[in-house]
PDB file of N, CA and C in Angstrom:
ATOM      1  N   MET A   1     -22.347  60.713  42.163  1.00  0.00           N
ATOM      2  CA  MET A   1     -21.598  59.852  41.638  1.00  0.00           C
ATOM      3  C   MET A   1     -20.629  59.080  42.585  1.00  0.00           C
ATOM      4  N   ALA A   2     -20.956  57.677  42.295  1.00  0.00           N
ATOM      5  CA  ALA A   2     -19.947  56.832  43.295  1.00  0.00           C
ATOM      6  C   ALA A   2     -18.944  56.255  42.320  1.00  0.00           C
ATOM      7  N   ILE A   3     -17.621  56.290  43.374  1.00  0.00           N
ATOM      8  CA  ILE A   3     -16.559  55.654  42.477  1.00  0.00           C
ATOM      9  C   ILE A   3     -16.087  54.350  43.627  1.00  0.00           C
ATOM     10  N   GLU A   4     -15.923  53.132  42.671  1.00  0.00           N
ATOM     11  CA  GLU A   4     -15.527  52.048  43.665  1.00  0.00           C
ATOM     12  C   GLU A   4     -14.073  51.738  42.832  1.00  0.00           C
ATOM     13  N   CYS A   5     -13.219  51.200  43.675  1.00  0.00           N
ATOM     14  CA  CYS A   5     -11.798  50.877  43.433  1.00  0.00           C
ATOM     15  C   CYS A   5     -11.861  49.418  43.962  1.00  0.00           C
ATOM     16  N   LEU A   6     -11.040  48.532  43.059  1.00  0.00           N
ATOM     17  CA  LEU A   6     -10.878  47.066  43.405  1.00  0.00           C
ATOM     18  C   LEU A   6      -9.400  46.855  43.085  1.00  0.00           C
ATOM     19  N   VAL A   7      -8.620  46.702  43.813  1.00  0.00           N
ATOM     20  CA  VAL A   7      -7.295  46.438  43.819  1.00  0.00           C
ATOM     21  C   VAL A   7      -7.353  44.942  43.628  1.00  0.00           C
ATOM     22  N   LEU A   8      -6.354  44.517  42.271  1.00  0.00           N
ATOM     23  CA  LEU A   8      -6.158  43.172  42.312  1.00  0.00           C
ATOM     24  C   LEU A   8      -4.733  42.935  42.443  1.00  0.00           C
ATOM     25  N   GLY A   9      -3.497  44.048  42.670  1.00  0.00           N
ATOM     26  CA  GLY A   9      -2.349  43.697  42.864  1.00  0.00           C
ATOM     27  C   GLY A   9      -1.858  45.108  43.108  1.00  0.00           C
ATOM     28  N   ALA A  10      -0.485  44.691  43.920  1.00  0.00           N
ATOM     29  CA  ALA A  10       0.303  45.767  44.158  1.00  0.00           C
ATOM     30  C   ALA A  10      -0.196  46.733  45.216  1.00  0.00           C
ATOM     31  N   GLY A  11      -1.316  46.182  46.246  1.00  0.00           N
ATOM     32  CA  GLY A  11      -1.994  46.952  47.003  1.00  0.00           C
ATOM     33  C   GLY A  11      -0.754  47.500  48.034  1.00  0.00           C
ATOM     34  N   GLN A  12      -0.022  46.675  48.337  1.00  0.00           N
ATOM     35  CA  GLN A  12       1.095  47.115  49.735  1.00  0.00           C
ATOM     36  C   GLN A  12       2.459  46.633  49.263  1.00  0.00           C
ATOM     37  N   GLU A  13       2.776  46.437  47.684  1.00  0.00           N
ATOM     38  CA  GLU A  13       4.039  46.071  47.410  1.00  0.00           C
ATOM     39  C   GLU A  13       4.144  46.358  46.029  1.00  0.00           C
ATOM     40  N   VAL A  14       5.480  46.742  45.365  1.00  0.00           N
ATOM     41  CA  VAL A  14       5.731  47.069  44.098  1.00  0.00           C
ATOM     42  C   VAL A  14       5.708  45.828  43.441  1.00  0.00           C
ATOM     43  N   GLY A  15       4.968  45.783  42.063  1.00  0.00           N
ATOM     44  CA  GLY A  15       4.988  44.778  41.428  1.00  0.00           C
ATOM     45  C   GLY A  15       3.441  44.288  41.033  1.00  0.00           C
ATOM     46  N   LYS A  16       2.810  43.690  39.856  1.00  0.00           N
ATOM     47  CA  LYS A  16       1.836  43.423  39.580  1.00  0.00           C
ATOM     48  C   LYS A  16       0.558  44.582  39.831  1.00  0.00           C
ATOM     49  N   SER A  17       0.874  45.868  39.457  1.00  0.00           N
ATOM     50  CA  SER A  17       0.011  46.856  39.429  1.00  0.00           C
ATOM     51  C   SER A  17      -1.179  46.501  38.535  1.00  0.00           C
ATOM     52  N   CYS A  18      -2.290  46.699  39.437  1.00  0.00           N
ATOM     53  CA  CYS A  18      -3.889  46.251  38.789  1.00  0.00           C
ATOM     54  C   CYS A  18      -4.999  46.843  39.498  1.00  0.00           C
ATOM     55  N   ALA A  19      -5.726  47.559  38.973  1.00  0.00           N
ATOM     56  CA  ALA A  19      -6.947  48.194  39.721  1.00  0.00           C
ATOM     57  C   ALA A  19      -8.006  48.517  38.773  1.00  0.00           C
ATOM     58  N   VAL A  20      -9.134  47.956  39.426  1.00  0.00           N
ATOM     59  CA  VAL A  20     -10.347  48.138  38.467  1.00  0.00           C
ATOM     60  C   VAL A  20     -11.240  49.289  39.296  1.00  0.00           C
ATOM     61  N   VAL A  21     -11.420  50.169  38.319  1.00  0.00           N
ATOM     62  CA  VAL A  21     -12.233  51.429  39.081  1.00  0.00           C
ATOM     63  C   VAL A  21     -13.455  51.644  38.247  1.00  0.00           C
ATOM     64  N   THR A  22     -14.765  51.940  38.942  1.00  0.00           N
ATOM     65  CA  THR A  22     -15.846  51.380  38.622  1.00  0.00           C
ATOM     66  C   THR A  22     -16.558  53.111  38.954  1.00  0.00           C
ATOM     67  N   ILE A  23     -16.978  53.621  37.752  1.00  0.00           N
ATOM     68  CA  ILE A  23     -17.218  55.033  37.406  1.00  0.00           C
ATOM     69  C   ILE A  23     -18.792  54.987  36.761  1.00  0.00           C
ATOM     70  N   ASN A  24     -20.088  55.298  37.321  1.00  0.00           N
ATOM     71  CA  ASN A  24     -20.985  55.221  36.594  1.00  0.00           C
ATOM     72  C   ASN A  24     -21.327  54.176  36.032  1.00  0.00           C
ATOM     73  N   GLY A  25     -20.973  52.987  36.567  1.00  0.00           N
ATOM     74  CA  GLY A  25     -21.183  51.501  35.964  1.00  0.00           C
ATOM     75  C   GLY A  25     -20.377  51.100  34.711  1.00  0.00           C
ATOM     76  N   LYS A  26     -19.184  52.143  34.666  1.00  0.00           N
ATOM     77  CA  LYS A  26     -18.259  51.443  33.806  1.00  0.00           C
ATOM     78  C   LYS A  26     -17.135  50.992  34.553  1.00  0.00           C
ATOM     79  N   ARG A  27     -16.511  49.950  34.100  1.00  0.00           N
ATOM     80  CA  ARG A  27     -15.508  49.468  34.937  1.00  0.00           C
ATOM     81  C   ARG A  27     -14.175  49.424  34.172  1.00  0.00           C
ATOM     82  N   ILE A  28     -13.061  50.221  34.523  1.00  0.00           N
ATOM     83  CA  ILE A  28     -12.092  50.329  33.887  1.00  0.00           C
ATOM     84  C   ILE A  28     -10.791  49.973  34.689  1.00  0.00           C
ATOM     85  N   MET A  29      -9.881  49.167  33.911  1.00  0.00           N
ATOM     86  CA  MET A  29      -8.786  48.376  34.540  1.00  0.00           C
ATOM     87  C   MET A  29      -7.532  49.283  34.285  1.00  0.00           C
ATOM     88  N   PHE A  30      -6.966  49.810  35.443  1.00  0.00           N
ATOM     89  CA  PHE A  30      -5.722  50.472  35.266  1.00  0.00           C
ATOM     90  C   PHE A  30      -4.626  49.647  35.601  1.00  0.00           C
ATOM     91  N   ASP A  31      -3.665  49.301  34.267  1.00  0.00           N
ATOM     92  CA  ASP A  31      -2.426  48.565  34.613  1.00  0.00           C
ATOM     93  C   ASP A  31      -2.887  47.000  34.535  1.00  0.00           C
ATOM     94  N   CYS A  32      -2.109  46.251  34.328  1.00  0.00           N
ATOM     95  CA  CYS A  32      -1.966  44.934  34.170  1.00  0.00           C
ATOM     96  C   CYS A  32      -0.852  44.286  34.636  1.00  0.00           C
ATOM     97  N   GLY A  33      -0.077  44.690  35.415  1.00  0.00           N
ATOM     98  CA  GLY A  33       1.290  44.277  35.797  1.00  0.00           C
ATOM     99  C   GLY A  33       1.613  42.837  36.459  1.00  0.00           C
ATOM    100  N   MET A  34       2.976  42.544  36.382  1.00  0.00           N
ATOM    101  CA  MET A  34       3.273  41.196  36.697  1.00  0.00           C
ATOM    102  C   MET A  34       4.290  41.469  38.076  1.00  0.00           C
ATOM    103  N   HIS A  35       4.203  40.704  38.926  1.00  0.00           N
ATOM    104  CA  HIS A  35       5.460  40.525  39.856  1.00  0.00           C
ATOM    105  C   HIS A  35       6.672  39.811  39.444  1.00  0.00           C
ATOM    106  N   MET A  36       7.672  40.531  39.543  1.00  0.00           N
ATOM    107  CA  MET A  36       9.007  39.717  38.929  1.00  0.00           C
ATOM    108  C   MET A  36       9.373  38.937  39.723  1.00  0.00           C
ATOM    109  N   GLY A  37       9.144  39.055  41.123  1.00  0.00           N
ATOM    110  CA  GLY A  37       9.941  37.887  42.014  1.00  0.00           C
ATOM    111  C   GLY A  37       9.328  36.629  41.943  1.00  0.00           C
ATOM    112  N   TYR A  38       7.949  36.384  41.564  1.00  0.00           N
ATOM    113  CA  TYR A  38       7.565  35.111  41.652  1.00  0.00           C
ATOM    114  C   TYR A  38       7.359  34.415  40.253  1.00  0.00           C
ATOM    115  N   LEU A  39       7.373  33.051  40.352  1.00  0.00           N
ATOM    116  CA  LEU A  39       7.127  32.461  39.235  1.00  0.00           C
ATOM    117  C   LEU A  39       5.822  31.563  38.891  1.00  0.00           C
ATOM    118  N   ASP A  40       5.021  31.385  40.210  1.00  0.00           N
ATOM    119  CA  ASP A  40       3.816  30.765  40.321  1.00  0.00           C
ATOM    120  C   ASP A  40       2.797  31.848  40.216  1.00  0.00           C
ATOM    121  N   HIS A  41       1.496  31.411  40.804  1.00  0.00           N
ATOM    122  CA  HIS A  41       0.377  32.286  40.715  1.00  0.00           C
ATOM    123  C   HIS A  41       0.509  33.721  41.040  1.00  0.00           C
ATOM    124  N   ARG A  42       1.250  33.940  41.935  1.00  0.00           N
ATOM    125  CA  ARG A  42       1.462  35.151  42.682  1.00  0.00           C
ATOM    126  C   ARG A  42       1.964  35.995  42.148  1.00  0.00           C
ATOM    127  N   ARG A  43       2.513  35.748  40.583  1.00  0.00           N
ATOM    128  CA  ARG A  43       3.050  36.523  39.507  1.00  0.00           C
ATOM    129  C   ARG A  43       1.986  37.356  38.999  1.00  0.00           C
ATOM    130  N   PHE A  44       0.745  36.882  38.985  1.00  0.00           N
ATOM    131  CA  PHE A  44      -0.255  37.872  37.970  1.00  0.00           C
ATOM    132  C   PHE A  44      -1.087  38.454  39.254  1.00  0.00           C
ATOM    133  N   PRO A  45      -1.864  39.539  38.891  1.00  0.00           N
ATOM    134  CA  PRO A  45      -3.060  40.000  39.872  1.00  0.00           C
ATOM    135  C   PRO A  45      -4.180  38.860  40.125  1.00  0.00           C
ATOM    136  N   ASP A  46      -4.939  38.999  40.858  1.00  0.00           N
ATOM    137  CA  ASP A  46      -6.044  38.001  41.059  1.00  0.00           C
ATOM    138  C   ASP A  46      -7.128  38.188  40.250  1.00  0.00           C
ATOM    139  N   PHE A  47      -7.176  38.194  39.018  1.00  0.00           N
ATOM    140  CA  PHE A  47      -8.337  38.613  37.991  1.00  0.00           C
ATOM    141  C   PHE A  47      -9.534  37.908  38.692  1.00  0.00           C
ATOM    142  N   SER A  48      -9.826  36.739  39.565  1.00  0.00           N
ATOM    143  CA  SER A  48     -10.815  36.006  40.034  1.00  0.00           C
ATOM    144  C   SER A  48     -11.640  36.946  40.440  1.00  0.00           C
ATOM    145  N   LEU A  49     -11.081  38.146  41.303  1.00  0.00           N
ATOM    146  CA  LEU A  49     -11.844  38.976  41.813  1.00  0.00           C
ATOM    147  C   LEU A  49     -12.809  40.061  40.966  1.00  0.00           C
ATOM    148  N   ILE A  50     -12.443  39.833  39.800  1.00  0.00           N
ATOM    149  CA  ILE A  50     -13.273  40.647  38.849  1.00  0.00           C
ATOM    150  C   ILE A  50     -14.648  40.291  38.622  1.00  0.00           C
ATOM    151  N   SER A  51     -14.765  38.751  38.158  1.00  0.00           N
ATOM    152  CA  SER A  51     -15.949  38.569  37.709  1.00  0.00           C
ATOM    153  C   SER A  51     -16.207  37.195  38.123  1.00  0.00           C
ATOM    154  N   LYS A  52     -17.146  36.633  38.586  1.00  0.00           N
ATOM    155  CA  LYS A  52     -17.547  35.228  38.793  1.00  0.00           C
ATOM    156  C   LYS A  52     -17.704  34.306  37.699  1.00  0.00           C
ATOM    157  N   SER A  53     -18.400  35.140  36.845  1.00  0.00           N
ATOM    158  CA  SER A  53     -18.513  34.532  35.336  1.00  0.00           C
ATOM    159  C   SER A  53     -17.313  34.087  34.778  1.00  0.00           C
ATOM    160  N   ALA A  54     -16.272  34.783  34.938  1.00  0.00           N
ATOM    161  CA  ALA A  54     -15.062  34.780  34.431  1.00  0.00           C
ATOM    162  C   ALA A  54     -15.065  35.154  32.771  1.00  0.00           C
ATOM    163  N   ASP A  55     -16.054  36.050  32.527  1.00  0.00           N
ATOM    164  CA  ASP A  55     -16.207  36.459  31.218  1.00  0.00           C
ATOM    165  C   ASP A  55     -15.658  38.142  31.388  1.00  0.00           C
ATOM    166  N   PHE A  56     -14.444  38.278  31.063  1.00  0.00           N
ATOM    167  CA  PHE A  56     -13.698  39.642  31.345  1.00  0.00           C
ATOM    168  C   PHE A  56     -14.152  40.446  30.468  1.00  0.00           C
ATOM    169  N   ASN A  57     -14.560  40.006  29.242  1.00  0.00           N
ATOM    170  CA  ASN A  57     -14.988  41.245  28.156  1.00  0.00           C
ATOM    171  C   ASN A  57     -16.446  41.730  28.466  1.00  0.00           C
ATOM    172  N   THR A  58     -17.404  41.378  29.604  1.00  0.00           N
ATOM    173  CA  THR A  58     -18.481  41.997  30.055  1.00  0.00           C
ATOM    174  C   THR A  58     -17.877  42.584  31.006  1.00  0.00           C
ATOM    175  N   ALA A  59     -17.376  42.092  31.820  1.00  0.00           N
ATOM    176  CA  ALA A  59     -17.022  42.517  33.113  1.00  0.00           C
ATOM    177  C   ALA A  59     -15.800  43.661  33.133  1.00  0.00           C
ATOM    178  N   ILE A  60     -15.146  43.795  32.210  1.00  0.00           N
ATOM    179  CA  ILE A  60     -14.254  45.059  31.668  1.00  0.00           C
ATOM    180  C   ILE A  60     -14.536  45.867  30.609  1.00  0.00           C
ATOM    181  N   ASP A  61     -14.808  47.077  30.836  1.00  0.00           N
ATOM    182  CA  ASP A  61     -15.080  47.759  29.729  1.00  0.00           C
ATOM    183  C   ASP A  61     -13.931  48.615  28.668  1.00  0.00           C
ATOM    184  N   CYS A  62     -12.948  48.705  29.328  1.00  0.00           N
ATOM    185  CA  CYS A  62     -11.441  48.987  29.007  1.00  0.00           C
ATOM    186  C   CYS A  62     -10.438  48.946  29.748  1.00  0.00           C
ATOM    187  N   ILE A  63      -9.133  48.631  29.229  1.00  0.00           N
ATOM    188  CA  ILE A  63      -8.155  48.793  30.087  1.00  0.00           C
ATOM    189  C   ILE A  63      -7.098  50.012  29.690  1.00  0.00           C
ATOM    190  N   VAL A  64      -6.758  50.362  30.870  1.00  0.00           N
ATOM    191  CA  VAL A  64      -5.916  51.742  30.551  1.00  0.00           C
ATOM    192  C   VAL A  64      -4.318  51.410  31.085  1.00  0.00           C
ATOM    193  N   ILE A  65      -3.441  51.415  30.406  1.00  0.00           N
ATOM    194  CA  ILE A  65      -1.841  51.223  30.731  1.00  0.00           C
ATOM    195  C   ILE A  65      -1.539  52.563  31.115  1.00  0.00           C
ATOM    196  N   THR A  66      -0.993  52.790  32.265  1.00  0.00           N
ATOM    197  CA  THR A  66      -0.461  54.133  32.774  1.00  0.00           C
ATOM    198  C   THR A  66       0.838  54.402  32.241  1.00  0.00           C
ATOM    199  N   HIS A  67       1.807  53.380  32.436  1.00  0.00           N
ATOM    200  CA  HIS A  67       3.266  53.413  31.616  1.00  0.00           C
ATOM    201  C   HIS A  67       3.803  51.882  31.284  1.00  0.00           C
ATOM    202  N   PHE A  68       4.948  51.769  30.814  1.00  0.00           N
ATOM    203  CA  PHE A  68       5.308  50.678  30.079  1.00  0.00           C
ATOM    204  C   PHE A  68       6.410  50.040  31.004  1.00  0.00           C
ATOM    205  N   HIS A  69       6.263  49.821  32.212  1.00  0.00           N
ATOM    206  CA  HIS A  69       7.129  49.110  32.751  1.00  0.00           C
ATOM    207  C   HIS A  69       6.626  47.672  33.230  1.00  0.00           C
ATOM    208  N   LEU A  70       7.048  46.656  33.279  1.00  0.00           N
ATOM    209  CA  LEU A  70       6.545  45.230  33.365  1.00  0.00           C
ATOM    210  C   LEU A  70       5.848  45.294  34.686  1.00  0.00           C
ATOM    211  N   ASP A  71       6.016  45.807  35.665  1.00  0.00           N
ATOM    212  CA  ASP A  71       5.044  45.608  37.001  1.00  0.00           C
ATOM    213  C   ASP A  71       3.822  46.442  36.732  1.00  0.00           C
ATOM    214  N   HIS A  72       3.547  47.024  35.373  1.00  0.00           N
ATOM    215  CA  HIS A  72       2.379  47.768  35.102  1.00  0.00           C
ATOM    216  C   HIS A  72       1.680  46.796  33.956  1.00  0.00           C
ATOM    217  N   VAL A  73       2.360  46.373  33.019  1.00  0.00           N
ATOM    218  CA  VAL A  73       2.069  45.855  31.977  1.00  0.00           C
ATOM    219  C   VAL A  73       2.333  44.519  31.624  1.00  0.00           C
ATOM    220  N   GLY A  74       2.989  43.636  32.494  1.00  0.00           N
ATOM    221  CA  GLY A  74       3.478  42.363  32.143  1.00  0.00           C
ATOM    222  C   GLY A  74       2.687  41.210  32.302  1.00  0.00           C
ATOM    223  N   ALA A  75       1.274  41.521  32.671  1.00  0.00           N
ATOM    224  CA  ALA A  75       0.538  40.582  32.803  1.00  0.00           C
ATOM    225  C   ALA A  75      -0.578  40.694  31.596  1.00  0.00           C
ATOM    226  N   LEU A  76      -0.114  41.825  30.857  1.00  0.00           N
ATOM    227  CA  LEU A  76      -1.390  42.016  29.814  1.00  0.00           C
ATOM    228  C   LEU A  76      -1.734  40.753  28.695  1.00  0.00           C
ATOM    229  N   PRO A  77      -0.193  40.282  28.510  1.00  0.00           N
ATOM    230  CA  PRO A  77      -0.636  39.033  27.302  1.00  0.00           C
ATOM    231  C   PRO A  77      -1.388  38.032  28.045  1.00  0.00           C
ATOM    232  N   TYR A  78      -0.931  37.735  29.378  1.00  0.00           N
ATOM    233  CA  TYR A  78      -1.944  36.571  30.048  1.00  0.00           C
ATOM    234  C   TYR A  78      -3.143  36.935  29.891  1.00  0.00           C
ATOM    235  N   PHE A  79      -3.451  38.291  30.363  1.00  0.00           N
ATOM    236  CA  PHE A  79      -4.995  38.570  30.492  1.00  0.00           C
ATOM    237  C   PHE A  79      -5.793  38.656  29.384  1.00  0.00           C
ATOM    238  N   THR A  80      -5.100  38.911  28.074  1.00  0.00           N
ATOM    239  CA  THR A  80      -5.691  38.670  26.340  1.00  0.00           C
ATOM    240  C   THR A  80      -5.723  37.338  26.092  1.00  0.00           C
ATOM    241  N   GLU A  81      -4.640  36.384  26.115  1.00  0.00           N
ATOM    242  CA  GLU A  81      -4.590  35.049  25.537  1.00  0.00           C
ATOM    243  C   GLU A  81      -5.009  34.123  26.181  1.00  0.00           C
ATOM    244  N   VAL A  82      -4.816  34.128  27.505  1.00  0.00           N
ATOM    245  CA  VAL A  82      -5.176  32.935  28.623  1.00  0.00           C
ATOM    246  C   VAL A  82      -6.738  33.173  28.967  1.00  0.00           C
ATOM    247  N   CYS A  83      -6.790  34.752  29.780  1.00  0.00           N
ATOM    248  CA  CYS A  83      -8.322  34.902  30.176  1.00  0.00           C
ATOM    249  C   CYS A  83      -9.073  35.187  29.126  1.00  0.00           C
ATOM    250  N   GLY A  84      -8.679  35.607  28.186  1.00  0.00           N
ATOM    251  CA  GLY A  84      -9.498  35.715  26.909  1.00  0.00           C
ATOM    252  C   GLY A  84     -10.083  37.134  26.472  1.00  0.00           C
ATOM    253  N   TYR A  85      -9.669  38.414  27.606  1.00  0.00           N
ATOM    254  CA  TYR A  85      -9.996  39.739  26.964  1.00  0.00           C
ATOM    255  C   TYR A  85      -9.681  40.047  25.898  1.00  0.00           C
ATOM    256  N   SER A  86     -10.664  40.713  24.926  1.00  0.00           N
ATOM    257  CA  SER A  86     -10.541  41.240  24.053  1.00  0.00           C
ATOM    258  C   SER A  86     -11.002  42.615  23.438  1.00  0.00           C
ATOM    259  N   GLY A  87     -11.116  43.191  24.798  1.00  0.00           N
ATOM    260  CA  GLY A  87     -11.729  44.490  24.626  1.00  0.00           C
ATOM    261  C   GLY A  87     -10.771  45.664  24.424  1.00  0.00           C
ATOM    262  N   PRO A  88     -11.028  47.095  24.428  1.00  0.00           N
ATOM    263  CA  PRO A  88     -10.247  48.048  24.145  1.00  0.00           C
ATOM    264  C   PRO A  88      -9.042  48.117  25.356  1.00  0.00           C
ATOM    265  N   ILE A  89      -7.665  48.342  24.674  1.00  0.00           N
ATOM    266  CA  ILE A  89      -6.424  48.628  25.621  1.00  0.00           C
ATOM    267  C   ILE A  89      -6.018  49.883  25.318  1.00  0.00           C
ATOM    268  N   TYR A  90      -5.960  51.063  25.835  1.00  0.00           N
ATOM    269  CA  TYR A  90      -5.199  52.098  25.772  1.00  0.00           C
ATOM    270  C   TYR A  90      -4.065  52.736  26.339  1.00  0.00           C
ATOM    271  N   MET A  91      -3.005  53.423  25.652  1.00  0.00           N
ATOM    272  CA  MET A  91      -1.903  53.192  26.272  1.00  0.00           C
ATOM    273  C   MET A  91      -1.216  54.434  25.198  1.00  0.00           C
ATOM    274  N   THR A  92      -0.311  54.955  26.025  1.00  0.00           N
ATOM    275  CA  THR A  92       0.436  55.964  25.270  1.00  0.00           C
ATOM    276  C   THR A  92       1.779  55.450  24.448  1.00  0.00           C
ATOM    277  N   VAL A  93       2.202  56.092  23.468  1.00  0.00           N
ATOM    278  CA  VAL A  93       3.002  55.584  22.425  1.00  0.00           C
ATOM    279  C   VAL A  93       4.457  55.084  22.993  1.00  0.00           C
ATOM    280  N   MET A  94       4.766  55.704  24.094  1.00  0.00           N
ATOM    281  CA  MET A  94       6.018  55.589  24.977  1.00  0.00           C
ATOM    282  C   MET A  94       6.240  54.960  26.153  1.00  0.00           C
TER     283      MET A  94
END
């Protein structure tokens, strides 16, 4: 079983936490955060690394939000409303 990890944000900094993990052909995005220190394109993870076709509904099987801080969930409205992701999103109630 191969596991691949694609870091889209927060690789070496605090903010815009986002990684796509591929396990047995399933692609799971962990967190979808934003960087609070920027107002331009650097505010969001680099979603262009996920899919060349930009069809995020077929490129991502689900999103798992680890906890509800803006640096882990702040880009989720952008990813769903602007990028058009409409797949499953899992998180705790707190």
